Amino acid sequence: MLHYALVFLVIALIAAIFGFGGIAAGAAGIAKILFLVFIVMAVISFVISLMKK
């Protein structure tokens, strides 16, 4: 999940450099969403692992 977030971030940066504002904004939005999903899943996994001990 984090890998896909980073890929979309790189796509957004490259699109921004070349002046494709709409594509850059869309890719950046997708990267943000994927990163937040990754953080939530990581926290849930961490909490579950603490509860098992």
PDB file of N, CA and C in Angstrom:
ATOM      1  N   MET A   1       0.831  -1.189   0.000  1.00  0.00           N
ATOM      2  CA  MET A   1       0.000   0.000   0.000  1.00  0.00           C
ATOM      3  C   MET A   1       0.881   1.260   0.000  1.00  0.00           C
ATOM      4  N   LEU A   2       1.894   1.235   0.833  1.00  0.00           N
ATOM      5  CA  LEU A   2       2.782   2.401   0.885  1.00  0.00           C
ATOM      6  C   LEU A   2       3.522   2.567  -0.436  1.00  0.00           C
ATOM      7  N   HIS A   3       3.836   1.468  -1.071  1.00  0.00           N
ATOM      8  CA  HIS A   3       4.517   1.515  -2.367  1.00  0.00           C
ATOM      9  C   HIS A   3       3.655   2.245  -3.395  1.00  0.00           C
ATOM     10  N   TYR A   4       2.367   1.927  -3.450  1.00  0.00           N
ATOM     11  CA  TYR A   4       1.469   2.591  -4.403  1.00  0.00           C
ATOM     12  C   TYR A   4       1.326   4.082  -4.090  1.00  0.00           C
ATOM     13  N   ALA A   5       1.307   4.431  -2.810  1.00  0.00           N
ATOM     14  CA  ALA A   5       1.231   5.842  -2.432  1.00  0.00           C
ATOM     15  C   ALA A   5       2.454   6.593  -2.929  1.00  0.00           C
ATOM     16  N   LEU A   6       3.621   5.974  -2.781  1.00  0.00           N
ATOM     17  CA  LEU A   6       4.846   6.624  -3.254  1.00  0.00           C
ATOM     18  C   LEU A   6       4.885   6.726  -4.777  1.00  0.00           C
ATOM     19  N   VAL A   7       4.369   5.701  -5.457  1.00  0.00           N
ATOM     20  CA  VAL A   7       4.322   5.741  -6.925  1.00  0.00           C
ATOM     21  C   VAL A   7       3.447   6.893  -7.393  1.00  0.00           C
ATOM     22  N   PHE A   8       2.258   7.038  -6.792  1.00  0.00           N
ATOM     23  CA  PHE A   8       1.379   8.132  -7.192  1.00  0.00           C
ATOM     24  C   PHE A   8       1.971   9.489  -6.823  1.00  0.00           C
ATOM     25  N   LEU A   9       2.731   9.558  -5.734  1.00  0.00           N
ATOM     26  CA  LEU A   9       3.398  10.803  -5.376  1.00  0.00           C
ATOM     27  C   LEU A   9       4.427  11.183  -6.431  1.00  0.00           C
ATOM     28  N   VAL A  10       5.203  10.216  -6.899  1.00  0.00           N
ATOM     29  CA  VAL A  10       6.193  10.485  -7.946  1.00  0.00           C
ATOM     30  C   VAL A  10       5.508  10.909  -9.237  1.00  0.00           C
ATOM     31  N   ILE A  11       4.409  10.234  -9.580  1.00  0.00           N
ATOM     32  CA  ILE A  11       3.645  10.621 -10.778  1.00  0.00           C
ATOM     33  C   ILE A  11       3.152  12.051 -10.648  1.00  0.00           C
ATOM     34  N   ALA A  12       2.664  12.410  -9.460  1.00  0.00           N
ATOM     35  CA  ALA A  12       2.173  13.776  -9.245  1.00  0.00           C
ATOM     36  C   ALA A  12       3.298  14.794  -9.396  1.00  0.00           C
ATOM     37  N   LEU A  13       4.462  14.475  -8.859  1.00  0.00           N
ATOM     38  CA  LEU A  13       5.589  15.409  -8.968  1.00  0.00           C
ATOM     39  C   LEU A  13       6.042  15.578 -10.409  1.00  0.00           C
ATOM     40  N   ILE A  14       6.115  14.482 -11.147  1.00  0.00           N
ATOM     41  CA  ILE A  14       6.530  14.558 -12.553  1.00  0.00           C
ATOM     42  C   ILE A  14       5.495  15.331 -13.371  1.00  0.00           C
ATOM     43  N   ALA A  15       4.213  15.069 -13.117  1.00  0.00           N
ATOM     44  CA  ALA A  15       3.163  15.779 -13.844  1.00  0.00           C
ATOM     45  C   ALA A  15       3.192  17.276 -13.513  1.00  0.00           C
ATOM     46  N   ALA A  16       3.482  17.606 -12.260  1.00  0.00           N
ATOM     47  CA  ALA A  16       3.555  19.020 -11.875  1.00  0.00           C
ATOM     48  C   ALA A  16       4.727  19.719 -12.559  1.00  0.00           C
ATOM     49  N   ILE A  17       5.826  19.021 -12.689  1.00  0.00           N
ATOM     50  CA  ILE A  17       7.000  19.614 -13.353  1.00  0.00           C
ATOM     51  C   ILE A  17       6.685  19.939 -14.811  1.00  0.00           C
ATOM     52  N   PHE A  18       5.954  19.044 -15.473  1.00  0.00           N
ATOM     53  CA  PHE A  18       5.628  19.255 -16.880  1.00  0.00           C
ATOM     54  C   PHE A  18       4.390  20.120 -17.089  1.00  0.00           C
ATOM     55  N   GLY A  19       3.751  20.558 -16.021  1.00  0.00           N
ATOM     56  CA  GLY A  19       2.643  21.495 -16.133  1.00  0.00           C
ATOM     57  C   GLY A  19       1.263  20.875 -16.304  1.00  0.00           C
ATOM     58  N   PHE A  20       1.132  19.611 -16.038  1.00  0.00           N
ATOM     59  CA  PHE A  20      -0.180  18.970 -16.106  1.00  0.00           C
ATOM     60  C   PHE A  20      -0.843  19.080 -14.735  1.00  0.00           C
ATOM     61  N   GLY A  21      -1.485  20.196 -14.481  1.00  0.00           N
ATOM     62  CA  GLY A  21      -2.045  20.480 -13.155  1.00  0.00           C
ATOM     63  C   GLY A  21      -3.137  19.529 -12.734  1.00  0.00           C
ATOM     64  N   GLY A  22      -4.038  19.188 -13.642  1.00  0.00           N
ATOM     65  CA  GLY A  22      -5.141  18.294 -13.291  1.00  0.00           C
ATOM     66  C   GLY A  22      -4.667  16.901 -12.952  1.00  0.00           C
ATOM     67  N   ILE A  23      -3.739  16.399 -13.746  1.00  0.00           N
ATOM     68  CA  ILE A  23      -3.200  15.058 -13.494  1.00  0.00           C
ATOM     69  C   ILE A  23      -2.407  15.054 -12.193  1.00  0.00           C
ATOM     70  N   ALA A  24      -1.656  16.104 -11.966  1.00  0.00           N
ATOM     71  CA  ALA A  24      -0.853  16.183 -10.735  1.00  0.00           C
ATOM     72  C   ALA A  24      -1.755  16.226  -9.508  1.00  0.00           C
ATOM     73  N   ALA A  25      -2.824  16.987  -9.578  1.00  0.00           N
ATOM     74  CA  ALA A  25      -3.738  17.077  -8.439  1.00  0.00           C
ATOM     75  C   ALA A  25      -4.426  15.739  -8.192  1.00  0.00           C
ATOM     76  N   GLY A  26      -4.821  15.070  -9.255  1.00  0.00           N
ATOM     77  CA  GLY A  26      -5.465  13.769  -9.101  1.00  0.00           C
ATOM     78  C   GLY A  26      -4.525  12.731  -8.513  1.00  0.00           C
ATOM     79  N   ALA A  27      -3.307  12.670  -9.008  1.00  0.00           N
ATOM     80  CA  ALA A  27      -2.333  11.707  -8.496  1.00  0.00           C
ATOM     81  C   ALA A  27      -1.958  12.023  -7.051  1.00  0.00           C
ATOM     82  N   ALA A  28      -1.853  13.286  -6.723  1.00  0.00           N
ATOM     83  CA  ALA A  28      -1.542  13.667  -5.345  1.00  0.00           C
ATOM     84  C   ALA A  28      -2.686  13.295  -4.410  1.00  0.00           C
ATOM     85  N   GLY A  29      -3.912  13.465  -4.867  1.00  0.00           N
ATOM     86  CA  GLY A  29      -5.069  13.074  -4.063  1.00  0.00           C
ATOM     87  C   GLY A  29      -5.097  11.580  -3.811  1.00  0.00           C
ATOM     88  N   ILE A  30      -4.818  10.801  -4.841  1.00  0.00           N
ATOM     89  CA  ILE A  30      -4.774   9.342  -4.687  1.00  0.00           C
ATOM     90  C   ILE A  30      -3.652   8.948  -3.734  1.00  0.00           C
ATOM     91  N   ALA A  31      -2.505   9.600  -3.855  1.00  0.00           N
ATOM     92  CA  ALA A  31      -1.378   9.294  -2.969  1.00  0.00           C
ATOM     93  C   ALA A  31      -1.735   9.583  -1.517  1.00  0.00           C
ATOM     94  N   LYS A  32      -2.430  10.692  -1.266  1.00  0.00           N
ATOM     95  CA  LYS A  32      -2.838  11.033   0.100  1.00  0.00           C
ATOM     96  C   LYS A  32      -3.778   9.978   0.667  1.00  0.00           C
ATOM     97  N   ILE A  33      -4.758   9.580  -0.133  1.00  0.00           N
ATOM     98  CA  ILE A  33      -5.732   8.591   0.330  1.00  0.00           C
ATOM     99  C   ILE A  33      -5.040   7.268   0.638  1.00  0.00           C
ATOM    100  N   LEU A  34      -4.173   6.808  -0.266  1.00  0.00           N
ATOM    101  CA  LEU A  34      -3.471   5.547  -0.039  1.00  0.00           C
ATOM    102  C   LEU A  34      -2.560   5.620   1.179  1.00  0.00           C
ATOM    103  N   PHE A  35      -1.928   6.757   1.397  1.00  0.00           N
ATOM    104  CA  PHE A  35      -1.060   6.906   2.554  1.00  0.00           C
ATOM    105  C   PHE A  35      -1.864   6.863   3.844  1.00  0.00           C
ATOM    106  N   LEU A  36      -3.029   7.512   3.855  1.00  0.00           N
ATOM    107  CA  LEU A  36      -3.868   7.483   5.054  1.00  0.00           C
ATOM    108  C   LEU A  36      -4.381   6.072   5.324  1.00  0.00           C
ATOM    109  N   VAL A  37      -4.759   5.347   4.276  1.00  0.00           N
ATOM    110  CA  VAL A  37      -5.199   3.959   4.449  1.00  0.00           C
ATOM    111  C   VAL A  37      -4.055   3.120   5.015  1.00  0.00           C
ATOM    112  N   PHE A  38      -2.842   3.337   4.508  1.00  0.00           N
ATOM    113  CA  PHE A  38      -1.683   2.613   5.019  1.00  0.00           C
ATOM    114  C   PHE A  38      -1.463   2.909   6.501  1.00  0.00           C
ATOM    115  N   ILE A  39      -1.544   4.163   6.901  1.00  0.00           N
ATOM    116  CA  ILE A  39      -1.339   4.533   8.302  1.00  0.00           C
ATOM    117  C   ILE A  39      -2.388   3.884   9.189  1.00  0.00           C
ATOM    118  N   VAL A  40      -3.652   3.923   8.770  1.00  0.00           N
ATOM    119  CA  VAL A  40      -4.727   3.324   9.559  1.00  0.00           C
ATOM    120  C   VAL A  40      -4.498   1.820   9.704  1.00  0.00           C
ATOM    121  N   MET A  41      -4.155   1.158   8.613  1.00  0.00           N
ATOM    122  CA  MET A  41      -3.923  -0.282   8.675  1.00  0.00           C
ATOM    123  C   MET A  41      -2.708  -0.614   9.539  1.00  0.00           C
ATOM    124  N   ALA A  42      -1.675   0.194   9.495  1.00  0.00           N
ATOM    125  CA  ALA A  42      -0.488  -0.033  10.318  1.00  0.00           C
ATOM    126  C   ALA A  42      -0.823   0.131  11.803  1.00  0.00           C
ATOM    127  N   VAL A  43      -1.606   1.142  12.150  1.00  0.00           N
ATOM    128  CA  VAL A  43      -1.987   1.365  13.546  1.00  0.00           C
ATOM    129  C   VAL A  43      -2.860   0.215  14.039  1.00  0.00           C
ATOM    130  N   ILE A  44      -3.825  -0.213  13.227  1.00  0.00           N
ATOM    131  CA  ILE A  44      -4.696  -1.330  13.618  1.00  0.00           C
ATOM    132  C   ILE A  44      -3.863  -2.594  13.819  1.00  0.00           C
ATOM    133  N   SER A  45      -2.938  -2.851  12.925  1.00  0.00           N
ATOM    134  CA  SER A  45      -2.068  -4.024  13.056  1.00  0.00           C
ATOM    135  C   SER A  45      -1.227  -3.943  14.324  1.00  0.00           C
ATOM    136  N   PHE A  46      -0.728  -2.773  14.623  1.00  0.00           N
ATOM    137  CA  PHE A  46       0.079  -2.581  15.819  1.00  0.00           C
ATOM    138  C   PHE A  46      -0.737  -2.826  17.084  1.00  0.00           C
ATOM    139  N   VAL A  47      -1.954  -2.299  17.131  1.00  0.00           N
ATOM    140  CA  VAL A  47      -2.818  -2.457  18.294  1.00  0.00           C
ATOM    141  C   VAL A  47      -3.192  -3.933  18.476  1.00  0.00           C
ATOM    142  N   ILE A  48      -3.509  -4.608  17.386  1.00  0.00           N
ATOM    143  CA  ILE A  48      -3.871  -6.020  17.468  1.00  0.00           C
ATOM    144  C   ILE A  48      -2.687  -6.845  17.963  1.00  0.00           C
ATOM    145  N   SER A  49      -1.489  -6.531  17.501  1.00  0.00           N
ATOM    146  CA  SER A  49      -0.320  -7.279  17.953  1.00  0.00           C
ATOM    147  C   SER A  49      -0.039  -7.035  19.440  1.00  0.00           C
ATOM    148  N   LEU A  50      -0.340  -5.838  19.941  1.00  0.00           N
ATOM    149  CA  LEU A  50      -0.161  -5.568  21.367  1.00  0.00           C
ATOM    150  C   LEU A  50      -1.189  -6.318  22.195  1.00  0.00           C
ATOM    151  N   MET A  51      -2.387  -6.475  21.679  1.00  0.00           N
ATOM    152  CA  MET A  51      -3.453  -7.149  22.419  1.00  0.00           C
ATOM    153  C   MET A  51      -3.205  -8.656  22.495  1.00  0.00           C
ATOM    154  N   LYS A  52      -2.473  -9.233  21.567  1.00  0.00           N
ATOM    155  CA  LYS A  52      -2.202 -10.669  21.569  1.00  0.00           C
ATOM    156  C   LYS A  52      -1.170 -11.057  22.633  1.00  0.00           C
ATOM    157  N   LYS A  53      -0.352 -10.127  23.054  1.00  0.00           N
ATOM    158  CA  LYS A  53       0.713 -10.439  24.011  1.00  0.00           C
ATOM    159  C   LYS A  53       0.202 -10.511  25.422  1.00  0.00           C
TER     160      LYS A  53
END
